[in-house]
Amino acid sequence: MRLRMSYTQAALVVAFGLLIDCMAGCGSKVKPTGEVHGKVSYNGKPVTAGNVKFFPEAGGEPVFSTILPDGTYRVTGIPVGRAKVAIETLAFKGHITPPPPGMAKMMNAPLPKYVPIPEKYEQPDTSGLTFEVEKTAKPWDIELQ
C-alpha cells in the first residue's frame, strides 16, 4: 500500500515538524537568572523603605524588590550578567504613616520609615552601583555614602 501526499500536505507536515522542533529547542534558550540579597544602609544605618532595582546591561526589563523595615532585600529572577542598580526611596516619602498608638509595641518589629538618601542613587545611570549577577544566590550588602 502506497501513501500519496500532495505537495501542500507534505509542506504542512514539514512545517509542523519544524514547529515541534522549535518548541522543543526554544525552551532551552531561556536566559538563566540569579538572586541577590542583603541589606541596604546609608551612613551605617538601615534604609527601611524603598526598592532595590536591577537593570540588566544586556537589556530587558528591570527586576526589583522592596526593602523591608530592617533594611534587608531579596531580588530574584535577575538575568545573569552585569546589572546597574538603583535604590529608590523618594516614592516612599510621605506614603509611610505611623501605626496607631500601641500598635508598634504589639507588632514587635521594625516599621518602615523614609530615610533620605542622596538623589543620585534613584537612577541606575547616576548611582554608580553595579553588580555581576550569577546563577547562584549571592549576598550583597549595599552601603550608601
Protein backbone atom coordinates (compact mmCIF):
# COMPACT_ATOMS: atom_id res chain seq x y z
CA MET A 1 0.00 0.00 0.00
CA ARG A 2 1.42 3.35 -1.03
CA LEU A 3 0.67 6.58 0.77
CA ARG A 4 0.20 9.54 -1.51
CA MET A 5 0.54 13.13 -0.39
CA SER A 6 0.08 16.32 -2.27
CA TYR A 7 2.79 18.95 -2.19
CA THR A 8 0.59 21.04 0.13
CA GLN A 9 0.14 18.16 2.55
CA ALA A 10 3.88 17.45 2.51
CA ALA A 11 4.66 21.11 3.14
CA LEU A 12 2.25 21.13 6.09
CA VAL A 13 3.89 18.01 7.57
CA VAL A 14 7.36 19.58 7.24
CA ALA A 15 6.14 22.90 8.73
CA PHE A 16 4.51 21.07 11.62
CA GLY A 17 7.72 19.13 12.26
CA LEU A 18 9.78 22.33 12.26
CA LEU A 19 7.31 23.93 14.68
CA ILE A 20 7.55 20.98 17.07
CA ASP A 21 11.36 21.00 16.78
CA CYS A 22 11.50 24.73 17.54
CA MET A 23 9.17 24.39 20.52
CA ALA A 24 11.37 21.67 21.97
CA GLY A 25 14.60 23.60 21.37
CA CYS A 26 13.43 27.13 22.07
CA GLY A 27 12.76 26.40 25.73
CA SER A 28 16.43 25.62 26.29
CA LYS A 29 17.38 29.13 25.18
CA VAL A 30 15.78 30.80 28.20
CA LYS A 31 18.28 33.12 29.81
CA PRO A 32 19.47 31.93 33.23
CA THR A 33 18.62 34.07 36.23
CA GLY A 34 20.04 34.62 39.68
CA GLU A 35 19.20 36.01 43.09
CA VAL A 36 20.83 38.78 45.11
CA HIS A 37 20.07 39.50 48.75
CA GLY A 38 21.47 41.62 51.54
CA LYS A 39 20.98 44.83 53.46
CA VAL A 40 20.84 48.46 52.32
CA SER A 41 22.29 51.09 54.64
CA TYR A 42 23.14 54.77 54.47
CA ASN A 43 25.96 56.09 56.66
CA GLY A 44 25.81 52.87 58.70
CA LYS A 45 22.05 52.95 59.36
CA PRO A 46 19.47 50.75 57.60
CA VAL A 47 17.42 52.18 54.75
CA THR A 48 14.00 50.99 55.95
CA ALA A 49 11.74 51.74 52.96
CA GLY A 50 12.27 51.68 49.21
CA ASN A 51 13.15 49.40 46.32
CA VAL A 52 16.38 47.83 45.11
CA LYS A 53 16.17 47.75 41.31
CA PHE A 54 18.47 45.81 38.94
CA PHE A 55 18.75 46.98 35.30
CA PRO A 56 20.42 44.24 33.19
CA GLU A 57 23.11 45.80 30.95
CA ALA A 58 22.28 43.19 28.27
CA GLY A 59 18.80 44.69 28.04
CA GLY A 60 15.38 43.65 29.22
CA GLU A 61 13.07 44.77 31.95
CA PRO A 62 14.41 45.85 35.36
CA VAL A 63 13.87 43.48 38.28
CA PHE A 64 13.26 44.81 41.77
CA SER A 65 12.33 44.05 45.35
CA THR A 66 11.01 46.12 48.22
CA ILE A 67 13.37 46.94 51.05
CA LEU A 68 11.97 45.58 54.32
CA PRO A 69 11.78 47.69 57.51
CA ASP A 70 15.01 46.11 58.80
CA GLY A 71 16.87 47.20 55.64
CA THR A 72 17.03 43.76 54.03
CA TYR A 73 16.07 42.89 50.46
CA ARG A 74 15.91 39.82 48.20
CA VAL A 75 15.69 40.17 44.41
CA THR A 76 15.02 37.01 42.38
CA GLY A 77 14.76 36.36 38.65
CA ILE A 78 17.55 38.76 37.64
CA PRO A 79 19.12 37.83 34.29
CA VAL A 80 22.69 36.58 34.76
CA GLY A 81 25.32 39.16 33.85
CA ARG A 82 26.25 42.70 34.75
CA ALA A 83 23.47 44.96 36.02
CA LYS A 84 23.24 48.59 37.02
CA VAL A 85 21.48 49.15 40.33
CA ALA A 86 19.27 51.91 41.70
CA ILE A 87 17.94 52.42 45.22
CA GLU A 88 14.55 54.10 45.01
CA THR A 89 13.28 55.75 48.17
CA LEU A 90 11.68 59.04 47.08
CA ALA A 91 8.44 57.31 46.11
CA PHE A 92 8.04 56.25 49.75
CA LYS A 93 8.43 59.77 51.14
CA GLY A 94 5.11 60.86 52.60
CA HIS A 95 3.43 57.48 51.98
CA ILE A 96 4.52 55.86 55.20
CA THR A 97 2.14 56.55 58.04
CA PRO A 98 2.87 55.79 61.66
CA PRO A 99 0.89 52.93 63.21
CA PRO A 100 -1.92 53.63 65.68
CA PRO A 101 -0.78 54.21 69.28
CA GLY A 102 0.39 50.99 70.93
CA MET A 103 0.43 49.03 67.65
CA ALA A 104 4.23 49.32 67.24
CA LYS A 105 4.80 47.56 70.57
CA MET A 106 2.30 44.83 69.69
CA MET A 107 3.93 44.21 66.32
CA ASN A 108 7.39 43.90 67.93
CA ALA A 109 9.03 44.53 64.56
CA PRO A 110 10.77 47.44 62.93
CA LEU A 111 8.47 49.75 60.99
CA PRO A 112 9.18 51.28 57.60
CA LYS A 113 10.40 54.83 57.84
CA TYR A 114 11.50 57.07 54.99
CA VAL A 115 15.27 57.51 55.15
CA PRO A 116 16.56 60.35 52.95
CA ILE A 117 19.50 59.29 50.78
CA PRO A 118 21.34 61.22 48.05
CA GLU A 119 19.15 61.55 44.95
CA LYS A 120 21.88 60.14 42.69
CA TYR A 121 21.02 56.62 43.92
CA GLU A 122 17.48 56.85 42.48
CA GLN A 123 18.71 56.31 38.87
CA PRO A 124 20.86 53.44 37.53
CA ASP A 125 22.97 55.78 35.37
CA THR A 126 23.93 58.06 38.28
CA SER A 127 24.05 55.66 41.23
CA GLY A 128 27.49 54.23 40.45
CA LEU A 129 26.21 50.85 41.66
CA THR A 130 26.74 47.73 39.53
CA PHE A 131 26.64 44.03 40.30
CA GLU A 132 27.61 40.86 38.44
CA VAL A 133 24.61 38.52 38.82
CA GLU A 134 25.38 34.78 38.81
CA LYS A 135 23.20 31.66 38.63
CA THR A 136 23.60 31.05 42.36
CA ALA A 137 22.17 33.27 45.09
CA LYS A 138 24.73 35.88 46.13
CA PRO A 139 24.80 38.21 49.12
CA TRP A 140 25.43 41.92 48.58
CA ASP A 141 25.19 44.48 51.36
CA ILE A 142 24.80 47.92 49.81
CA GLU A 143 26.43 50.69 51.86
CA LEU A 144 25.48 54.14 50.57
CA GLN A 145 27.58 57.17 51.45
